[in-house]
């Protein structure tokens, strides 16, 4: 009876790794001449659309960023990651 069914795709992606290194992120699109480069800071997990996307800060249209969390939740690491990524851009 089970041989009559085709396997269905998983409703979710594989879990994210415990650590994601900058080298593991997808490449950042090249800016147009004279434009500021986008600064990657994260791998965004979007379960509602079953995709992962590069999280970037585009300083040409950037407004505010709120980094909220409890103590030892990674707030400082987010800011360090953005600063380091901006330095490499």
N, C-alpha and C. Protein backbone atom coordinates (compact mmCIF):
# COMPACT_ATOMS: atom_id res chain seq x y z
N UNK A 1 0.83 -1.20 0.00
CA UNK A 1 0.00 0.00 0.00
C UNK A 1 0.87 1.26 0.00
N UNK A 2 1.96 1.27 0.76
CA UNK A 2 2.82 2.45 0.82
C UNK A 2 3.61 2.66 -0.47
N UNK A 3 3.75 1.64 -1.28
CA UNK A 3 4.47 1.78 -2.54
C UNK A 3 3.73 2.65 -3.54
N UNK A 4 2.45 2.90 -3.33
CA UNK A 4 1.65 3.69 -4.25
C UNK A 4 1.82 5.19 -4.05
N UNK A 5 2.50 5.61 -3.01
CA UNK A 5 2.64 7.03 -2.70
C UNK A 5 4.04 7.52 -3.06
N UNK A 6 4.09 8.71 -3.60
CA UNK A 6 5.40 9.32 -3.87
C UNK A 6 5.81 10.14 -2.65
N UNK A 7 7.09 10.14 -2.31
CA UNK A 7 7.54 10.92 -1.16
C UNK A 7 7.27 12.41 -1.37
N UNK A 8 6.81 13.06 -0.36
CA UNK A 8 6.52 14.49 -0.42
C UNK A 8 7.73 15.29 0.04
N UNK A 9 7.90 16.49 -0.49
CA UNK A 9 9.02 17.31 -0.02
C UNK A 9 8.82 17.69 1.45
N UNK A 10 9.91 17.90 2.13
CA UNK A 10 9.85 18.28 3.53
C UNK A 10 9.20 19.66 3.66
N UNK A 11 8.36 19.88 4.66
CA UNK A 11 7.74 21.20 4.82
C UNK A 11 8.69 22.23 5.43
N UNK A 12 9.91 21.85 5.72
CA UNK A 12 10.88 22.79 6.28
C UNK A 12 12.26 22.48 5.74
N UNK A 13 13.14 23.45 5.83
CA UNK A 13 14.52 23.29 5.40
C UNK A 13 15.31 22.56 6.47
N UNK A 14 16.50 22.12 6.10
CA UNK A 14 17.40 21.52 7.09
C UNK A 14 17.73 22.57 8.15
N UNK A 15 18.00 22.17 9.39
CA UNK A 15 18.34 23.14 10.43
C UNK A 15 19.59 23.94 10.06
N UNK A 16 19.64 25.17 10.54
CA UNK A 16 20.84 25.99 10.36
C UNK A 16 21.97 25.39 11.18
N UNK A 17 23.18 25.62 10.74
CA UNK A 17 24.35 25.18 11.50
C UNK A 17 24.43 25.98 12.80
N UNK A 18 25.11 25.44 13.79
CA UNK A 18 25.28 26.16 15.05
C UNK A 18 26.05 27.46 14.84
N UNK A 19 27.00 27.44 13.92
CA UNK A 19 27.78 28.63 13.60
C UNK A 19 27.83 28.80 12.10
N UNK A 20 27.65 30.03 11.66
CA UNK A 20 27.75 30.35 10.24
C UNK A 20 28.90 31.33 10.09
N UNK A 21 29.89 30.94 9.31
CA UNK A 21 31.05 31.81 9.09
C UNK A 21 30.78 32.73 7.90
N UNK A 22 31.46 33.86 7.87
CA UNK A 22 31.29 34.80 6.76
C UNK A 22 31.59 34.14 5.42
N UNK A 23 32.55 33.23 5.41
CA UNK A 23 32.91 32.54 4.17
C UNK A 23 31.79 31.62 3.67
N UNK A 24 30.88 31.24 4.57
CA UNK A 24 29.78 30.35 4.20
C UNK A 24 28.57 31.09 3.63
N UNK A 25 28.57 32.42 3.73
CA UNK A 25 27.43 33.20 3.25
C UNK A 25 27.46 33.32 1.73
N UNK A 26 26.29 33.47 1.12
CA UNK A 26 26.27 33.71 -0.33
C UNK A 26 26.98 35.02 -0.66
N UNK A 27 27.45 35.18 -1.89
CA UNK A 27 28.14 36.42 -2.24
C UNK A 27 27.20 37.63 -2.22
N UNK A 28 27.77 38.77 -1.90
CA UNK A 28 27.03 40.03 -1.89
C UNK A 28 26.99 40.58 -3.31
N UNK A 29 25.83 41.05 -3.77
CA UNK A 29 25.79 41.66 -5.11
C UNK A 29 26.74 42.86 -5.19
N UNK A 30 27.38 43.01 -6.33
CA UNK A 30 28.31 44.13 -6.53
C UNK A 30 27.53 45.44 -6.60
N UNK A 31 28.04 46.49 -5.93
CA UNK A 31 27.34 47.78 -6.00
C UNK A 31 27.58 48.45 -7.35
N UNK A 32 26.69 49.35 -7.69
CA UNK A 32 26.91 50.12 -8.91
C UNK A 32 28.06 51.09 -8.66
N UNK A 33 28.71 51.58 -9.71
CA UNK A 33 29.85 52.49 -9.52
C UNK A 33 29.46 53.71 -8.67
N UNK A 34 30.28 54.00 -7.69
CA UNK A 34 30.06 55.13 -6.80
C UNK A 34 29.11 54.86 -5.65
N UNK A 35 28.50 53.69 -5.61
CA UNK A 35 27.56 53.36 -4.53
C UNK A 35 28.29 52.66 -3.40
N UNK A 36 27.74 52.79 -2.21
CA UNK A 36 28.29 52.08 -1.06
C UNK A 36 27.95 50.60 -1.17
N UNK A 37 28.88 49.72 -0.81
CA UNK A 37 28.56 48.29 -0.88
C UNK A 37 27.60 47.88 0.24
N UNK A 38 26.77 46.90 -0.04
CA UNK A 38 25.91 46.34 1.00
C UNK A 38 26.79 45.52 1.95
N UNK A 39 26.44 45.53 3.22
CA UNK A 39 27.23 44.85 4.25
C UNK A 39 26.46 43.62 4.74
N UNK A 40 26.96 42.42 4.48
CA UNK A 40 26.26 41.23 4.96
C UNK A 40 26.46 41.06 6.47
N UNK A 41 25.42 40.60 7.13
CA UNK A 41 25.53 40.40 8.58
C UNK A 41 24.89 39.10 9.06
N UNK A 42 24.11 38.42 8.20
CA UNK A 42 23.40 37.24 8.69
C UNK A 42 22.94 36.36 7.53
N UNK A 43 22.59 35.16 7.88
CA UNK A 43 21.88 34.27 6.98
C UNK A 43 20.46 34.22 7.53
N UNK A 44 19.52 34.80 6.79
CA UNK A 44 18.14 34.88 7.26
C UNK A 44 17.41 33.59 6.95
N UNK A 45 16.74 33.04 7.93
CA UNK A 45 15.94 31.84 7.77
C UNK A 45 14.49 32.28 7.66
N UNK A 46 13.87 32.03 6.51
CA UNK A 46 12.50 32.47 6.25
C UNK A 46 11.60 31.24 6.07
N UNK A 47 11.13 30.66 7.19
CA UNK A 47 10.37 29.41 7.09
C UNK A 47 9.05 29.55 6.34
N UNK A 48 8.43 30.73 6.37
CA UNK A 48 7.14 30.89 5.69
C UNK A 48 7.27 30.75 4.18
N UNK A 49 8.45 31.05 3.63
CA UNK A 49 8.68 30.89 2.19
C UNK A 49 9.69 29.78 1.89
N UNK A 50 10.08 29.04 2.90
CA UNK A 50 11.04 27.93 2.78
C UNK A 50 12.29 28.35 2.02
N UNK A 51 12.90 29.43 2.48
CA UNK A 51 14.14 29.87 1.85
C UNK A 51 15.06 30.50 2.88
N UNK A 52 16.30 30.61 2.48
CA UNK A 52 17.31 31.31 3.26
C UNK A 52 17.89 32.38 2.36
N UNK A 53 18.10 33.54 2.95
CA UNK A 53 18.56 34.68 2.17
C UNK A 53 19.66 35.40 2.94
N UNK A 54 20.53 36.05 2.21
CA UNK A 54 21.59 36.82 2.82
C UNK A 54 20.99 38.08 3.44
N UNK A 55 21.27 38.31 4.71
CA UNK A 55 20.85 39.54 5.37
C UNK A 55 21.92 40.60 5.17
N UNK A 56 21.55 41.71 4.56
CA UNK A 56 22.52 42.78 4.30
C UNK A 56 21.98 44.10 4.80
N UNK A 57 22.90 44.99 5.11
CA UNK A 57 22.56 46.38 5.42
C UNK A 57 23.01 47.20 4.23
N UNK A 58 22.06 47.88 3.61
CA UNK A 58 22.35 48.75 2.48
C UNK A 58 22.38 50.18 3.01
N UNK A 59 23.59 50.71 3.17
CA UNK A 59 23.72 52.03 3.79
C UNK A 59 23.15 53.15 2.93
N UNK A 60 22.85 52.89 1.67
CA UNK A 60 22.22 53.90 0.83
C UNK A 60 20.77 54.14 1.25
N UNK A 61 20.13 53.13 1.83
CA UNK A 61 18.73 53.27 2.24
C UNK A 61 18.52 52.88 3.70
N UNK A 62 19.59 52.73 4.45
CA UNK A 62 19.53 52.25 5.83
C UNK A 62 18.95 53.31 6.76
N UNK A 63 18.08 52.90 7.64
CA UNK A 63 17.51 53.80 8.62
C UNK A 63 18.04 53.47 10.00
N UNK A 64 17.29 52.66 10.73
CA UNK A 64 17.67 52.29 12.08
C UNK A 64 17.71 50.78 12.21
N UNK A 65 18.49 50.32 13.16
CA UNK A 65 18.56 48.89 13.46
C UNK A 65 18.43 48.72 14.96
N UNK A 66 17.48 47.91 15.36
CA UNK A 66 17.31 47.60 16.77
C UNK A 66 17.80 46.17 17.00
N UNK A 67 18.71 46.02 17.91
CA UNK A 67 19.21 44.70 18.29
C UNK A 67 18.73 44.47 19.71
N UNK A 68 17.77 43.58 19.85
CA UNK A 68 17.11 43.38 21.14
C UNK A 68 17.31 41.93 21.58
N UNK A 69 17.56 41.76 22.86
CA UNK A 69 17.70 40.41 23.40
C UNK A 69 18.09 40.46 24.86
N UNK A 70 17.99 39.34 25.49
CA UNK A 70 18.37 39.24 26.90
C UNK A 70 19.89 39.18 27.01
N UNK A 71 20.42 39.31 28.23
CA UNK A 71 21.87 39.21 28.39
C UNK A 71 22.40 37.89 27.82
N UNK A 72 23.54 37.96 27.17
CA UNK A 72 24.24 36.82 26.58
C UNK A 72 23.46 36.16 25.44
N UNK A 73 22.58 36.94 24.78
CA UNK A 73 21.82 36.38 23.66
C UNK A 73 22.45 36.68 22.30
N UNK A 74 23.54 37.48 22.29
CA UNK A 74 24.23 37.73 21.03
C UNK A 74 24.11 39.15 20.50
N UNK A 75 23.58 40.06 21.29
CA UNK A 75 23.43 41.45 20.82
C UNK A 75 24.77 42.06 20.44
N UNK A 76 25.76 41.92 21.29
CA UNK A 76 27.08 42.48 21.00
C UNK A 76 27.70 41.79 19.80
N UNK A 77 27.49 40.50 19.67
CA UNK A 77 28.06 39.77 18.53
C UNK A 77 27.47 40.26 17.22
N UNK A 78 26.19 40.61 17.20
CA UNK A 78 25.58 41.16 15.99
C UNK A 78 26.29 42.45 15.60
N UNK A 79 26.51 43.33 16.56
CA UNK A 79 27.18 44.60 16.27
C UNK A 79 28.63 44.38 15.84
N UNK A 80 29.31 43.43 16.45
CA UNK A 80 30.69 43.11 16.03
C UNK A 80 30.70 42.55 14.61
N UNK A 81 29.74 41.71 14.30
CA UNK A 81 29.67 41.13 12.97
C UNK A 81 29.44 42.21 11.92
N UNK A 82 28.53 43.13 12.20
CA UNK A 82 28.27 44.23 11.25
C UNK A 82 29.50 45.10 11.09
N UNK A 83 30.17 45.43 12.19
CA UNK A 83 31.37 46.27 12.11
C UNK A 83 32.47 45.56 11.32
N UNK A 84 32.69 44.29 11.59
CA UNK A 84 33.72 43.54 10.87
C UNK A 84 33.39 43.40 9.39
N UNK A 85 32.13 43.15 9.09
CA UNK A 85 31.71 43.02 7.70
C UNK A 85 31.84 44.35 6.96
N UNK A 86 31.51 45.44 7.64
CA UNK A 86 31.65 46.77 7.02
C UNK A 86 33.12 47.08 6.75
N UNK A 87 33.99 46.66 7.64
CA UNK A 87 35.43 46.90 7.44
C UNK A 87 35.96 46.12 6.25
N UNK A 88 35.38 44.95 5.97
CA UNK A 88 35.83 44.14 4.84
C UNK A 88 35.17 44.52 3.52
N UNK A 89 34.10 45.31 3.59
CA UNK A 89 33.35 45.66 2.36
C UNK A 89 34.12 46.61 1.47
